[in-house]
Amino acid sequence: MVTLIVLLLFSCSTKPSKNGVMEQTLLEQFPDFQTNYDKIVIIPGAGCSTCISSTEEYFKINIGTEKRTLLILTQFANTKLVKINFTSSVISEPNVYLDELNTFNKGYFESMYPQFVYLKEGKIDTIEFASPESPNTLANYKSTLVDLLIN
């Protein structure tokens, strides 16, 4: 009888949420991400090429002014090519991370689309994907920056 109760308790335990697992992974890599950033953008090196290229182009130009956004570049075949594509001035920004182990392209992070992760009070609030089904994701991101400047 006791064994049955113990089995029921463990089988009914909740699995960690997607956001919880993502937050834990972020904390392991960036212990201060909750206080230093409002947004995290994860750009894969392979996937929807038009979705990725528009996001890459935006950040190549604007990463210097996006101090509250952590940019993670993941799933790339060759580090040298990423450094050429993004230039050393972009790669050397303190809020740009080259994910050479593809930590941010496994499990809950795995995606062929750029991910825009919005934080609220240090926790993941919303995750949007820049995909053909949601073509306004980058525009939505830009509008949040305008809102921050106004408020």
N, C-alpha and C. Protein backbone atom coordinates (compact mmCIF):
# COMPACT_ATOMS: atom_id res chain seq x y z
N MET A 1 0.82 -1.20 0.00
CA MET A 1 0.00 0.00 0.00
C MET A 1 0.86 1.27 0.00
N VAL A 2 1.88 1.28 0.84
CA VAL A 2 2.77 2.43 0.91
C VAL A 2 3.47 2.63 -0.44
N THR A 3 3.87 1.54 -1.07
CA THR A 3 4.53 1.61 -2.37
C THR A 3 3.61 2.25 -3.40
N LEU A 4 2.34 1.88 -3.36
CA LEU A 4 1.37 2.44 -4.30
C LEU A 4 1.23 3.94 -4.10
N ILE A 5 1.18 4.40 -2.87
CA ILE A 5 1.05 5.83 -2.58
C ILE A 5 2.29 6.58 -3.06
N VAL A 6 3.47 6.02 -2.81
CA VAL A 6 4.71 6.66 -3.25
C VAL A 6 4.74 6.74 -4.77
N LEU A 7 4.35 5.66 -5.45
CA LEU A 7 4.31 5.67 -6.91
C LEU A 7 3.34 6.72 -7.43
N LEU A 8 2.19 6.83 -6.81
CA LEU A 8 1.22 7.83 -7.23
C LEU A 8 1.75 9.25 -7.05
N LEU A 9 2.41 9.49 -5.94
CA LEU A 9 2.96 10.81 -5.69
C LEU A 9 4.00 11.19 -6.74
N PHE A 10 4.90 10.27 -7.06
CA PHE A 10 5.94 10.58 -8.04
C PHE A 10 5.40 10.64 -9.46
N SER A 11 4.42 9.83 -9.77
CA SER A 11 3.87 9.86 -11.12
C SER A 11 3.02 11.10 -11.36
N CYS A 12 2.52 11.69 -10.29
CA CYS A 12 1.70 12.90 -10.43
C CYS A 12 2.51 14.17 -10.31
N SER A 13 3.81 14.03 -10.03
CA SER A 13 4.61 15.24 -9.90
C SER A 13 4.68 15.95 -11.25
N THR A 14 4.74 17.25 -11.18
CA THR A 14 4.72 18.04 -12.40
C THR A 14 6.10 18.09 -13.03
N LYS A 15 6.10 18.11 -14.35
CA LYS A 15 7.36 18.28 -15.07
C LYS A 15 7.69 19.76 -15.06
N PRO A 16 8.98 20.08 -15.14
CA PRO A 16 9.35 21.49 -15.19
C PRO A 16 8.75 22.14 -16.45
N SER A 17 8.36 23.38 -16.32
CA SER A 17 7.79 24.09 -17.46
C SER A 17 8.88 24.41 -18.48
N LYS A 18 8.46 24.64 -19.70
CA LYS A 18 9.40 25.02 -20.75
C LYS A 18 10.15 26.28 -20.34
N ASN A 19 9.43 27.28 -19.88
CA ASN A 19 10.07 28.52 -19.47
C ASN A 19 11.04 28.30 -18.31
N GLY A 20 10.66 27.43 -17.38
CA GLY A 20 11.53 27.13 -16.24
C GLY A 20 12.83 26.48 -16.67
N VAL A 21 12.75 25.54 -17.60
CA VAL A 21 13.95 24.87 -18.11
C VAL A 21 14.83 25.88 -18.86
N MET A 22 14.20 26.72 -19.67
CA MET A 22 14.96 27.73 -20.41
C MET A 22 15.63 28.71 -19.45
N GLU A 23 14.91 29.14 -18.43
CA GLU A 23 15.48 30.08 -17.46
C GLU A 23 16.67 29.45 -16.73
N GLN A 24 16.56 28.18 -16.38
CA GLN A 24 17.65 27.49 -15.69
C GLN A 24 18.89 27.42 -16.58
N THR A 25 18.69 27.10 -17.86
CA THR A 25 19.81 27.03 -18.80
C THR A 25 20.45 28.41 -18.95
N LEU A 26 19.62 29.43 -19.06
CA LEU A 26 20.14 30.80 -19.16
C LEU A 26 20.94 31.19 -17.91
N LEU A 27 20.42 30.83 -16.74
CA LEU A 27 21.12 31.13 -15.48
C LEU A 27 22.48 30.45 -15.42
N GLU A 28 22.54 29.21 -15.92
CA GLU A 28 23.81 28.48 -15.91
C GLU A 28 24.85 29.16 -16.79
N GLN A 29 24.43 29.70 -17.91
CA GLN A 29 25.35 30.36 -18.84
C GLN A 29 25.58 31.83 -18.51
N PHE A 30 24.53 32.49 -18.03
CA PHE A 30 24.57 33.93 -17.76
C PHE A 30 23.94 34.19 -16.39
N PRO A 31 24.70 34.04 -15.32
CA PRO A 31 24.13 34.19 -13.97
C PRO A 31 23.41 35.51 -13.72
N ASP A 32 23.75 36.54 -14.46
CA ASP A 32 23.15 37.86 -14.24
C ASP A 32 22.14 38.25 -15.32
N PHE A 33 21.68 37.29 -16.13
CA PHE A 33 20.79 37.65 -17.23
C PHE A 33 19.50 38.30 -16.75
N GLN A 34 19.01 37.91 -15.58
CA GLN A 34 17.73 38.44 -15.09
C GLN A 34 17.79 39.92 -14.74
N THR A 35 18.96 40.40 -14.39
CA THR A 35 19.09 41.82 -14.06
C THR A 35 19.68 42.64 -15.20
N ASN A 36 20.44 42.01 -16.08
CA ASN A 36 21.11 42.76 -17.15
C ASN A 36 20.32 42.90 -18.43
N TYR A 37 19.32 42.04 -18.65
CA TYR A 37 18.63 42.03 -19.94
C TYR A 37 17.12 42.04 -19.79
N ASP A 38 16.47 42.67 -20.76
CA ASP A 38 15.01 42.67 -20.86
C ASP A 38 14.54 41.70 -21.95
N LYS A 39 15.46 41.43 -22.89
CA LYS A 39 15.12 40.59 -24.04
C LYS A 39 16.31 39.73 -24.39
N ILE A 40 16.01 38.56 -24.94
CA ILE A 40 17.05 37.66 -25.43
C ILE A 40 16.63 37.26 -26.83
N VAL A 41 17.55 37.38 -27.77
CA VAL A 41 17.27 36.99 -29.15
C VAL A 41 18.25 35.87 -29.49
N ILE A 42 17.69 34.74 -29.92
CA ILE A 42 18.49 33.57 -30.28
C ILE A 42 18.37 33.38 -31.79
N ILE A 43 19.50 33.49 -32.47
CA ILE A 43 19.51 33.36 -33.93
C ILE A 43 20.23 32.07 -34.31
N PRO A 44 19.52 31.13 -34.93
CA PRO A 44 20.19 29.90 -35.38
C PRO A 44 20.94 30.15 -36.68
N GLY A 45 21.97 29.37 -36.91
CA GLY A 45 22.75 29.51 -38.13
C GLY A 45 22.15 28.79 -39.32
N ALA A 46 21.17 27.95 -39.05
CA ALA A 46 20.52 27.21 -40.14
C ALA A 46 19.02 27.17 -39.88
N GLY A 47 18.26 27.17 -40.96
CA GLY A 47 16.80 27.13 -40.83
C GLY A 47 16.16 27.98 -41.89
N CYS A 48 15.15 28.72 -41.52
CA CYS A 48 14.43 29.60 -42.44
C CYS A 48 15.34 30.77 -42.81
N SER A 49 15.92 30.71 -44.00
CA SER A 49 16.95 31.69 -44.37
C SER A 49 16.44 33.13 -44.40
N THR A 50 15.24 33.36 -44.92
CA THR A 50 14.74 34.75 -44.96
C THR A 50 14.43 35.25 -43.55
N CYS A 51 13.92 34.38 -42.70
CA CYS A 51 13.63 34.78 -41.31
C CYS A 51 14.92 35.13 -40.57
N ILE A 52 15.93 34.31 -40.79
CA ILE A 52 17.21 34.50 -40.11
C ILE A 52 17.93 35.73 -40.65
N SER A 53 17.95 35.89 -41.96
CA SER A 53 18.75 36.99 -42.55
C SER A 53 18.22 38.36 -42.16
N SER A 54 16.91 38.53 -42.10
CA SER A 54 16.39 39.85 -41.72
C SER A 54 16.73 40.16 -40.26
N THR A 55 16.67 39.16 -39.40
CA THR A 55 17.03 39.36 -37.99
C THR A 55 18.53 39.64 -37.86
N GLU A 56 19.34 38.89 -38.60
CA GLU A 56 20.79 39.13 -38.57
C GLU A 56 21.12 40.54 -39.02
N GLU A 57 20.53 40.96 -40.11
CA GLU A 57 20.83 42.30 -40.64
C GLU A 57 20.47 43.38 -39.64
N TYR A 58 19.34 43.25 -38.98
CA TYR A 58 18.94 44.24 -37.99
C TYR A 58 19.99 44.33 -36.88
N PHE A 59 20.41 43.17 -36.36
CA PHE A 59 21.34 43.19 -35.23
C PHE A 59 22.76 43.56 -35.63
N LYS A 60 23.15 43.29 -36.86
CA LYS A 60 24.47 43.75 -37.32
C LYS A 60 24.56 45.27 -37.23
N ILE A 61 23.48 45.93 -37.52
CA ILE A 61 23.45 47.39 -37.52
C ILE A 61 23.21 47.96 -36.13
N ASN A 62 22.37 47.30 -35.34
CA ASN A 62 21.86 47.91 -34.11
C ASN A 62 22.36 47.32 -32.79
N ILE A 63 23.19 46.29 -32.81
CA ILE A 63 23.55 45.65 -31.55
C ILE A 63 24.25 46.60 -30.59
N GLY A 64 24.96 47.57 -31.09
CA GLY A 64 25.65 48.53 -30.22
C GLY A 64 24.72 49.36 -29.37
N THR A 65 23.49 49.54 -29.81
CA THR A 65 22.51 50.33 -29.05
C THR A 65 21.54 49.45 -28.27
N GLU A 66 21.66 48.16 -28.41
CA GLU A 66 20.73 47.22 -27.78
C GLU A 66 21.33 46.61 -26.51
N LYS A 67 21.77 47.43 -25.60
CA LYS A 67 22.50 46.96 -24.42
C LYS A 67 21.65 46.07 -23.50
N ARG A 68 20.34 46.20 -23.53
CA ARG A 68 19.47 45.40 -22.66
C ARG A 68 18.96 44.14 -23.37
N THR A 69 19.54 43.85 -24.55
CA THR A 69 19.19 42.64 -25.30
C THR A 69 20.42 41.75 -25.39
N LEU A 70 20.25 40.49 -24.99
CA LEU A 70 21.30 39.49 -25.13
C LEU A 70 21.08 38.79 -26.47
N LEU A 71 22.09 38.81 -27.32
CA LEU A 71 22.02 38.17 -28.62
C LEU A 71 22.83 36.88 -28.57
N ILE A 72 22.17 35.76 -28.83
CA ILE A 72 22.83 34.46 -28.82
C ILE A 72 22.84 33.92 -30.25
N LEU A 73 24.02 33.63 -30.76
CA LEU A 73 24.18 33.05 -32.08
C LEU A 73 24.50 31.57 -31.90
N THR A 74 23.66 30.70 -32.46
CA THR A 74 23.80 29.27 -32.24
C THR A 74 23.67 28.48 -33.54
N GLN A 75 23.95 27.22 -33.46
CA GLN A 75 23.79 26.28 -34.57
C GLN A 75 24.51 26.73 -35.84
N PHE A 76 25.76 27.04 -35.70
CA PHE A 76 26.53 27.42 -36.87
C PHE A 76 27.61 26.37 -37.11
N ALA A 77 27.91 26.14 -38.37
CA ALA A 77 28.85 25.09 -38.74
C ALA A 77 30.30 25.52 -38.53
N ASN A 78 30.57 26.81 -38.65
CA ASN A 78 31.94 27.27 -38.64
C ASN A 78 32.04 28.62 -37.92
N THR A 79 32.80 28.66 -36.84
CA THR A 79 32.96 29.89 -36.07
C THR A 79 33.55 31.01 -36.91
N LYS A 80 34.50 30.68 -37.78
CA LYS A 80 35.12 31.71 -38.62
C LYS A 80 34.09 32.39 -39.52
N LEU A 81 33.18 31.61 -40.08
CA LEU A 81 32.15 32.20 -40.95
C LEU A 81 31.22 33.13 -40.18
N VAL A 82 30.89 32.75 -38.96
CA VAL A 82 30.03 33.61 -38.13
C VAL A 82 30.75 34.93 -37.85
N LYS A 83 32.03 34.84 -37.55
CA LYS A 83 32.81 36.05 -37.25
C LYS A 83 32.95 36.93 -38.48
N ILE A 84 33.03 36.32 -39.65
CA ILE A 84 33.08 37.11 -40.88
C ILE A 84 31.72 37.75 -41.15
N ASN A 85 30.67 36.96 -41.00
CA ASN A 85 29.31 37.45 -41.26
C ASN A 85 28.93 38.59 -40.33
N PHE A 86 29.26 38.46 -39.06
CA PHE A 86 28.84 39.47 -38.07
C PHE A 86 29.92 40.52 -37.78
N THR A 87 31.10 40.35 -38.24
CA THR A 87 32.26 41.21 -38.00
C THR A 87 32.69 41.18 -36.54
N SER A 88 33.95 41.45 -36.34
CA SER A 88 34.51 41.38 -34.99
C SER A 88 33.93 42.45 -34.07
N SER A 89 33.52 43.58 -34.64
CA SER A 89 32.95 44.63 -33.79
C SER A 89 31.61 44.19 -33.19
N VAL A 90 30.83 43.43 -33.93
CA VAL A 90 29.57 42.91 -33.39
C VAL A 90 29.84 41.79 -32.40
N ILE A 91 30.70 40.85 -32.79
CA ILE A 91 31.00 39.69 -31.94
C ILE A 91 31.61 40.13 -30.61
N SER A 92 32.37 41.20 -30.60
CA SER A 92 33.04 41.63 -29.38
C SER A 92 32.13 42.39 -28.41
N GLU A 93 30.91 42.70 -28.83
CA GLU A 93 29.97 43.37 -27.91
C GLU A 93 29.71 42.46 -26.71
N PRO A 94 29.64 43.03 -25.50
CA PRO A 94 29.46 42.20 -24.31
C PRO A 94 28.12 41.46 -24.25
N ASN A 95 27.15 41.90 -25.03
CA ASN A 95 25.83 41.26 -25.02
C ASN A 95 25.63 40.32 -26.21
N VAL A 96 26.74 39.90 -26.83
CA VAL A 96 26.67 38.92 -27.92
C VAL A 96 27.40 37.67 -27.47
N TYR A 97 26.73 36.52 -27.65
CA TYR A 97 27.30 35.25 -27.21
C TYR A 97 27.33 34.26 -28.37
N LEU A 98 28.53 33.74 -28.65
CA LEU A 98 28.67 32.69 -29.66
C LEU A 98 28.50 31.35 -28.97
N ASP A 99 27.43 30.67 -29.26
CA ASP A 99 27.10 29.40 -28.63
C ASP A 99 27.77 28.26 -29.39
N GLU A 100 29.06 28.07 -29.14
CA GLU A 100 29.83 27.08 -29.88
C GLU A 100 29.45 25.65 -29.53
N LEU A 101 28.81 25.43 -28.38
CA LEU A 101 28.38 24.08 -27.99
C LEU A 101 26.93 23.80 -28.37
N ASN A 102 26.28 24.77 -29.00
CA ASN A 102 24.87 24.65 -29.39
C ASN A 102 23.94 24.38 -28.21
N THR A 103 24.28 24.91 -27.07
CA THR A 103 23.43 24.78 -25.89
C THR A 103 22.05 25.36 -26.14
N PHE A 104 22.01 26.43 -26.91
CA PHE A 104 20.75 27.12 -27.16
C PHE A 104 20.10 26.69 -28.48
N ASN A 105 20.41 25.48 -28.88
CA ASN A 105 19.72 24.87 -30.01
C ASN A 105 19.42 23.41 -29.70
N LYS A 106 19.12 23.14 -28.43
CA LYS A 106 18.77 21.80 -27.98
C LYS A 106 17.51 21.89 -27.14
N GLY A 107 16.78 20.81 -27.10
CA GLY A 107 15.61 20.75 -26.23
C GLY A 107 14.62 21.86 -26.52
N TYR A 108 14.24 22.58 -25.49
CA TYR A 108 13.24 23.63 -25.63
C TYR A 108 13.72 24.80 -26.51
N PHE A 109 15.02 24.95 -26.65
CA PHE A 109 15.55 26.05 -27.45
C PHE A 109 15.58 25.74 -28.94
N GLU A 110 15.48 24.47 -29.30
CA GLU A 110 15.65 24.07 -30.69
C GLU A 110 14.60 24.70 -31.59
N SER A 111 15.09 25.39 -32.62
CA SER A 111 14.19 26.05 -33.56
C SER A 111 14.94 26.40 -34.83
N MET A 112 14.23 26.38 -35.93
CA MET A 112 14.83 26.83 -37.19
C MET A 112 14.55 28.31 -37.44
N TYR A 113 13.89 28.94 -36.47
CA TYR A 113 13.53 30.36 -36.58
C TYR A 113 14.21 31.15 -35.45
N PRO A 114 14.52 32.42 -35.69
CA PRO A 114 15.00 33.26 -34.59
C PRO A 114 13.93 33.36 -33.50
N GLN A 115 14.39 33.34 -32.26
CA GLN A 115 13.49 33.42 -31.12
C GLN A 115 13.69 34.75 -30.40
N PHE A 116 12.59 35.40 -30.09
CA PHE A 116 12.60 36.64 -29.34
C PHE A 116 11.98 36.34 -27.98
N VAL A 117 12.82 36.36 -26.95
CA VAL A 117 12.39 36.02 -25.60
C VAL A 117 12.29 37.31 -24.80
N TYR A 118 11.10 37.57 -24.29
CA TYR A 118 10.85 38.80 -23.52
C TYR A 118 10.80 38.44 -22.04
N LEU A 119 11.52 39.21 -21.24
CA LEU A 119 11.55 38.98 -19.80
C LEU A 119 10.70 40.01 -19.08
N LYS A 120 10.10 39.56 -18.01
CA LYS A 120 9.33 40.46 -17.15
C LYS A 120 9.71 40.12 -15.72
N GLU A 121 10.26 41.09 -15.02
CA GLU A 121 10.73 40.89 -13.65
C GLU A 121 11.69 39.71 -13.55
N GLY A 122 12.58 39.58 -14.55
CA GLY A 122 13.61 38.55 -14.55
C GLY A 122 13.17 37.17 -14.96
N LYS A 123 11.92 37.02 -15.32
CA LYS A 123 11.39 35.72 -15.74
C LYS A 123 10.93 35.79 -17.19
N ILE A 124 10.96 34.65 -17.86
CA ILE A 124 10.48 34.62 -19.24
C ILE A 124 8.99 34.87 -19.25
N ASP A 125 8.60 35.90 -19.99
CA ASP A 125 7.19 36.27 -20.10
C ASP A 125 6.60 35.75 -21.41
N THR A 126 7.28 36.01 -22.51
CA THR A 126 6.77 35.67 -23.84
C THR A 126 7.92 35.21 -24.72
N ILE A 127 7.62 34.26 -25.61
CA ILE A 127 8.59 33.84 -26.62
C ILE A 127 7.90 33.93 -27.96
N GLU A 128 8.51 34.68 -28.88
CA GLU A 128 7.97 34.80 -30.23
C GLU A 128 9.01 34.27 -31.22
N PHE A 129 8.52 33.68 -32.28
CA PHE A 129 9.40 33.15 -33.32
C PHE A 129 9.23 33.97 -34.59
N ALA A 130 10.34 34.35 -35.20
CA ALA A 130 10.30 35.06 -36.49
C ALA A 130 10.17 34.00 -37.57
N SER A 131 8.96 33.73 -37.98
CA SER A 131 8.69 32.67 -38.96
C SER A 131 7.75 33.20 -40.04
N PRO A 132 7.58 32.43 -41.11
CA PRO A 132 6.62 32.86 -42.14
C PRO A 132 5.20 33.03 -41.59
N GLU A 133 4.87 32.27 -40.54
CA GLU A 133 3.53 32.38 -39.93
C GLU A 133 3.39 33.62 -39.06
N SER A 134 4.52 34.18 -38.63
CA SER A 134 4.47 35.39 -37.80
C SER A 134 5.50 36.40 -38.32
N PRO A 135 5.21 36.99 -39.47
CA PRO A 135 6.19 37.87 -40.13
C PRO A 135 6.43 39.20 -39.41
N ASN A 136 5.63 39.54 -38.41
CA ASN A 136 5.78 40.82 -37.73
C ASN A 136 6.62 40.75 -36.46
N THR A 137 7.25 39.61 -36.21
CA THR A 137 8.00 39.44 -34.97
C THR A 137 9.10 40.48 -34.81
N LEU A 138 9.88 40.71 -35.85
CA LEU A 138 10.95 41.70 -35.77
C LEU A 138 10.38 43.10 -35.59
N ALA A 139 9.31 43.41 -36.29
CA ALA A 139 8.66 44.72 -36.14
C ALA A 139 8.12 44.88 -34.72
N ASN A 140 7.55 43.82 -34.15
CA ASN A 140 7.07 43.87 -32.77
C ASN A 140 8.21 44.15 -31.80
N TYR A 141 9.35 43.50 -32.05
CA TYR A 141 10.53 43.71 -31.22
C TYR A 141 10.94 45.19 -31.27
N LYS A 142 11.01 45.73 -32.49
CA LYS A 142 11.42 47.13 -32.65
C LYS A 142 10.44 48.06 -31.92
N SER A 143 9.16 47.74 -31.96
CA SER A 143 8.16 48.61 -31.30
C SER A 143 8.33 48.58 -29.78
N THR A 144 8.79 47.46 -29.21
CA THR A 144 9.04 47.43 -27.76
C THR A 144 10.18 48.36 -27.39
N LEU A 145 11.13 48.52 -28.30
CA LEU A 145 12.25 49.45 -28.04
C LEU A 145 11.76 50.89 -28.04
N VAL A 146 10.87 51.22 -28.97
CA VAL A 146 10.30 52.56 -29.02
C VAL A 146 9.49 52.83 -27.76
N ASP A 147 8.72 51.82 -27.31
CA ASP A 147 7.95 51.97 -26.07
C ASP A 147 8.86 52.26 -24.88
N LEU A 148 10.02 51.59 -24.83
CA LEU A 148 10.96 51.83 -23.72
C LEU A 148 11.49 53.26 -23.76
N LEU A 149 11.74 53.78 -24.95
CA LEU A 149 12.26 55.14 -25.06
C LEU A 149 11.22 56.18 -24.66
N ILE A 150 9.96 55.89 -24.97
CA ILE A 150 8.89 56.84 -24.66
C ILE A 150 8.57 56.84 -23.17
N ASN A 151 8.55 55.67 -22.56
CA ASN A 151 8.15 55.55 -21.15
C ASN A 151 9.28 55.77 -20.20
